[in-house]
Amino acid sequence: MPLYLTLELCSLIIPLILSFDKKVGFYKQWPALFPSIFVTGVSFILVDIYFTRKGIWGFNPHYHSDILIAGLPLEEWLFFIVIPYSGIFIHYILFAYYPGAFLSDKITRIISVIILAGLMLIIVTGYEKAYTFFYSSLMAIVMVFALFEKTRIINRFYVSFLVILIPFFIINGILTGSFIKDEVVWYNSSEIMGIRIFTVPAEDIAYGFSLILINLLLMNYFRKVFHKNQGI
């Protein structure tokens, strides 16, 4: 089995099994989760296809299957199902067992201002680097939207994302060359800042942050739509 696919199966199997945990009942989120994954996945895939065609990043054929769709390996398409599912599962299980683990509005605003200032600096200084510019900009936009979102989901997400970063660095570290010869996913050095955490480009944090948070925001939207249609 190709390494990329193996990593995805390892990422999914435990969250999928524990989705039926009585305390969490994550399977109850599926009606809102799957449409969110679809909408977000389509958007990210379109960018993915463009970046691959432009040589901004690419995939090592030694580590993925021979099935290619629009120039992307099958595993890359599955990525936008597996990773959001696993990340959102962590978000929900954390607050099922630790419901008080969220930040106050004041602390959330302070952290947000600091992060947004950092992102603005990166955007201004790295505007010529496509990968850096795009995902730094996307993270900034999503953060601002989340700050005005009435459910205060970002107060919780700042906490859960710290936990999500643990498996993120393990999986993404392997994908970018940790513990293996060469990378599963390579990056054009002229399109990133060149700052890496282990082997993971710093921009991937903005990528992962945006991917999961967009899904969480869309889940809230789809819940409202479903409730409205049900006359609730």
Protein backbone atom coordinates (compact mmCIF):
# COMPACT_ATOMS: atom_id res chain seq x y z
CA MET A 1 0.00 0.00 0.00
CA PRO A 2 1.42 3.46 -0.90
CA LEU A 3 2.76 5.45 2.04
CA TYR A 4 0.43 8.42 1.44
CA LEU A 5 -2.65 6.19 1.56
CA THR A 6 -1.33 4.35 4.63
CA LEU A 7 -0.93 7.63 6.51
CA GLU A 8 -4.48 8.64 5.63
CA LEU A 9 -5.96 5.33 6.80
CA CYS A 10 -4.02 5.60 10.09
CA SER A 11 -5.35 9.14 10.53
CA LEU A 12 -8.96 8.09 9.95
CA ILE A 13 -9.43 4.72 11.61
CA ILE A 14 -9.40 5.77 15.28
CA PRO A 15 -11.62 8.89 14.83
CA LEU A 16 -14.04 6.82 12.74
CA ILE A 17 -14.33 4.05 15.34
CA LEU A 18 -14.61 6.49 18.26
CA SER A 19 -17.27 8.51 16.43
CA PHE A 20 -19.78 6.23 18.15
CA ASP A 21 -18.45 6.98 21.64
CA LYS A 22 -21.55 7.63 23.79
CA LYS A 23 -20.18 10.76 25.44
CA VAL A 24 -19.19 12.41 22.16
CA GLY A 25 -21.70 10.95 19.69
CA PHE A 26 -19.72 12.45 16.83
CA TYR A 27 -21.79 10.54 14.28
CA LYS A 28 -24.64 12.92 15.13
CA GLN A 29 -22.59 15.70 13.49
CA TRP A 30 -22.41 13.88 10.16
CA PRO A 31 -25.43 15.61 8.52
CA ALA A 32 -23.68 18.99 8.89
CA LEU A 33 -20.13 17.65 8.61
CA PHE A 34 -20.25 15.92 5.24
CA PRO A 35 -21.70 18.86 3.26
CA SER A 36 -19.07 21.07 4.89
CA ILE A 37 -16.29 18.68 3.91
CA PHE A 38 -17.63 18.59 0.34
CA VAL A 39 -17.84 22.38 -0.10
CA THR A 40 -14.48 23.04 1.53
CA GLY A 41 -12.84 20.13 -0.27
CA VAL A 42 -13.96 21.30 -3.70
CA SER A 43 -12.54 24.78 -3.02
CA PHE A 44 -9.20 23.49 -1.77
CA ILE A 45 -8.94 20.94 -4.58
CA LEU A 46 -9.35 23.64 -7.23
CA VAL A 47 -6.47 25.60 -5.69
CA ASP A 48 -4.53 22.36 -5.37
CA ILE A 49 -4.92 21.60 -9.08
CA TYR A 50 -3.80 25.11 -10.01
CA PHE A 51 -0.75 25.02 -7.72
CA THR A 52 0.25 21.60 -9.06
CA ARG A 53 0.01 22.70 -12.68
CA LYS A 54 2.06 25.82 -11.93
CA GLY A 55 4.75 23.77 -10.18
CA ILE A 56 4.19 25.48 -6.83
CA TRP A 57 4.12 22.05 -5.27
CA GLY A 58 3.88 18.45 -6.41
CA PHE A 59 3.83 14.79 -5.41
CA ASN A 60 6.44 12.06 -5.41
CA PRO A 61 5.06 9.13 -7.48
CA HIS A 62 7.06 6.66 -5.38
CA TYR A 63 4.77 7.32 -2.43
CA HIS A 64 1.28 7.51 -3.93
CA SER A 65 -0.96 5.33 -6.09
CA ASP A 66 -1.03 5.40 -9.88
CA ILE A 67 -4.59 6.76 -9.87
CA LEU A 68 -4.51 10.40 -10.95
CA ILE A 69 -7.55 12.67 -11.17
CA ALA A 70 -7.03 16.11 -12.76
CA GLY A 71 -3.32 15.68 -12.23
CA LEU A 72 -3.64 14.91 -8.52
CA PRO A 73 -3.09 11.49 -6.95
CA LEU A 74 -6.14 9.79 -5.46
CA GLU A 75 -4.68 10.25 -1.98
CA GLU A 76 -4.69 14.03 -2.38
CA TRP A 77 -8.44 13.96 -3.06
CA LEU A 78 -8.96 11.75 -0.02
CA PHE A 79 -6.86 14.17 2.05
CA PHE A 80 -9.71 16.69 2.08
CA ILE A 81 -12.04 14.10 3.58
CA VAL A 82 -9.70 12.38 6.02
CA ILE A 83 -7.90 15.37 7.55
CA PRO A 84 -11.00 17.56 8.15
CA TYR A 85 -12.86 14.56 9.60
CA SER A 86 -10.02 13.73 11.98
CA GLY A 87 -9.35 17.35 12.94
CA ILE A 88 -12.99 18.17 13.62
CA PHE A 89 -13.33 14.93 15.58
CA ILE A 90 -10.49 16.09 17.86
CA HIS A 91 -12.21 19.45 18.27
CA TYR A 92 -15.48 17.84 19.37
CA ILE A 93 -14.02 15.13 21.58
CA LEU A 94 -11.88 17.68 23.41
CA PHE A 95 -14.87 19.77 24.42
CA ALA A 96 -17.04 16.76 25.17
CA TYR A 97 -14.57 15.73 27.86
CA TYR A 98 -13.30 19.21 28.77
CA PRO A 99 -16.24 21.58 28.22
CA GLY A 100 -14.55 24.44 30.05
CA ALA A 101 -11.48 24.45 27.80
CA PHE A 102 -12.13 27.64 25.87
CA LEU A 103 -10.74 31.17 25.90
CA SER A 104 -12.47 34.29 27.14
CA ASP A 105 -13.49 36.90 24.61
CA LYS A 106 -10.73 39.24 25.81
CA ILE A 107 -7.95 36.67 25.46
CA THR A 108 -9.36 35.59 22.09
CA ARG A 109 -9.26 39.16 20.80
CA ILE A 110 -5.69 39.72 22.02
CA ILE A 111 -4.45 36.50 20.42
CA SER A 112 -6.33 37.31 17.22
CA VAL A 113 -4.81 40.78 16.94
CA ILE A 114 -1.31 39.39 17.43
CA ILE A 115 -1.82 36.62 14.86
CA LEU A 116 -3.46 38.95 12.34
CA ALA A 117 -0.61 41.46 12.69
CA GLY A 118 1.86 38.66 12.03
CA LEU A 119 -0.12 37.48 9.02
CA MET A 120 -0.28 41.00 7.59
CA LEU A 121 3.49 41.27 7.88
CA ILE A 122 3.94 37.94 6.12
CA ILE A 123 1.47 38.91 3.38
CA VAL A 124 3.19 42.25 2.73
CA THR A 125 6.71 40.84 2.72
CA GLY A 126 5.87 37.57 0.98
CA TYR A 127 3.36 38.69 -1.62
CA GLU A 128 5.53 37.33 -4.46
CA LYS A 129 5.50 33.83 -3.00
CA ALA A 130 2.25 32.23 -4.15
CA TYR A 131 1.90 29.56 -1.46
CA THR A 132 2.84 31.96 1.34
CA PHE A 133 0.60 34.76 0.11
CA PHE A 134 -2.48 32.66 -0.62
CA TYR A 135 -2.74 30.67 2.59
CA SER A 136 -1.65 33.52 4.86
CA SER A 137 -4.36 35.66 3.27
CA LEU A 138 -6.92 32.88 3.57
CA MET A 139 -6.15 32.36 7.27
CA ALA A 140 -6.50 36.10 7.93
CA ILE A 141 -9.87 36.26 6.14
CA VAL A 142 -11.24 33.19 7.91
CA MET A 143 -10.08 34.49 11.30
CA VAL A 144 -11.79 37.85 10.81
CA PHE A 145 -15.00 36.13 9.74
CA ALA A 146 -14.86 33.78 12.74
CA LEU A 147 -14.33 36.71 15.15
CA PHE A 148 -17.67 38.17 14.06
CA GLU A 149 -19.43 34.79 14.11
CA LYS A 150 -21.92 34.77 16.99
CA THR A 151 -21.25 31.22 18.18
CA ARG A 152 -17.71 32.25 19.27
CA ILE A 153 -16.35 29.09 17.75
CA ILE A 154 -12.88 30.61 17.48
CA ASN A 155 -12.69 30.83 21.30
CA ARG A 156 -12.73 27.04 21.35
CA PHE A 157 -10.81 26.47 18.15
CA TYR A 158 -7.68 28.24 19.39
CA VAL A 159 -7.54 25.60 22.13
CA SER A 160 -8.41 22.57 20.02
CA PHE A 161 -6.02 23.57 17.24
CA LEU A 162 -3.10 23.28 19.65
CA VAL A 163 -4.11 19.65 20.16
CA ILE A 164 -4.72 19.12 16.44
CA LEU A 165 -1.17 20.33 15.76
CA ILE A 166 0.26 17.21 17.44
CA PRO A 167 -0.98 14.66 14.85
CA PHE A 168 -0.65 17.40 12.21
CA PHE A 169 3.11 17.64 12.67
CA ILE A 170 3.47 13.87 12.75
CA ILE A 171 1.52 13.23 9.54
CA ASN A 172 2.62 16.34 7.70
CA GLY A 173 6.16 15.82 8.89
CA ILE A 174 6.29 12.43 7.19
CA LEU A 175 4.63 13.84 4.06
CA THR A 176 7.31 16.54 3.86
CA GLY A 177 10.26 14.21 4.40
CA SER A 178 10.65 13.40 8.09
CA PHE A 179 11.81 9.82 8.72
CA ILE A 180 11.75 8.91 5.00
CA LYS A 181 13.93 9.39 1.95
CA ASP A 182 12.72 12.37 -0.08
CA GLU A 183 9.24 13.87 0.37
CA VAL A 184 5.77 12.64 -0.41
CA VAL A 185 4.81 16.27 -1.13
CA TRP A 186 7.45 18.70 -2.38
CA TYR A 187 7.32 22.50 -2.43
CA ASN A 188 8.84 24.96 -4.86
CA SER A 189 11.35 26.80 -2.68
CA SER A 190 10.71 30.07 -4.52
CA GLU A 191 7.02 30.01 -3.52
CA ILE A 192 7.44 29.57 0.26
CA MET A 193 9.25 31.55 2.96
CA GLY A 194 11.68 28.72 3.60
CA ILE A 195 10.92 28.58 7.33
CA ARG A 196 10.28 24.99 8.37
CA ILE A 197 9.25 23.38 11.63
CA PHE A 198 11.06 20.07 11.41
CA THR A 199 10.39 19.47 7.69
CA VAL A 200 6.97 21.18 7.61
CA PRO A 201 6.79 24.59 5.87
CA ALA A 202 5.47 27.21 8.30
CA GLU A 203 2.74 28.09 5.79
CA ASP A 204 1.20 24.66 6.31
CA ILE A 205 0.02 25.81 9.74
CA ALA A 206 -2.09 28.50 8.03
CA TYR A 207 -3.23 25.86 5.55
CA GLY A 208 -4.36 23.42 8.26
CA PHE A 209 -5.88 26.16 10.42
CA SER A 210 -7.98 27.45 7.53
CA LEU A 211 -9.03 24.00 6.34
CA ILE A 212 -10.41 22.94 9.73
CA LEU A 213 -11.91 26.29 10.76
CA ILE A 214 -13.75 26.75 7.45
CA ASN A 215 -15.31 23.34 7.94
CA LEU A 216 -16.40 24.21 11.48
CA LEU A 217 -17.95 27.48 10.32
CA LEU A 218 -19.78 25.75 7.49
CA MET A 219 -21.09 23.12 9.89
CA ASN A 220 -22.78 25.87 11.88
CA TYR A 221 -24.29 27.21 8.67
CA PHE A 222 -25.62 23.83 7.55
CA ARG A 223 -27.13 23.16 10.99
CA LYS A 224 -29.11 26.39 10.69
CA VAL A 225 -30.26 25.48 7.18
CA PHE A 226 -31.37 22.01 8.24
CA HIS A 227 -33.20 23.31 11.30
CA LYS A 228 -34.95 25.98 9.23
CA ASN A 229 -36.07 23.38 6.68
CA GLN A 230 -37.40 21.24 9.50
CA GLY A 231 -39.39 24.17 10.84
CA ILE A 232 -37.42 24.31 14.08
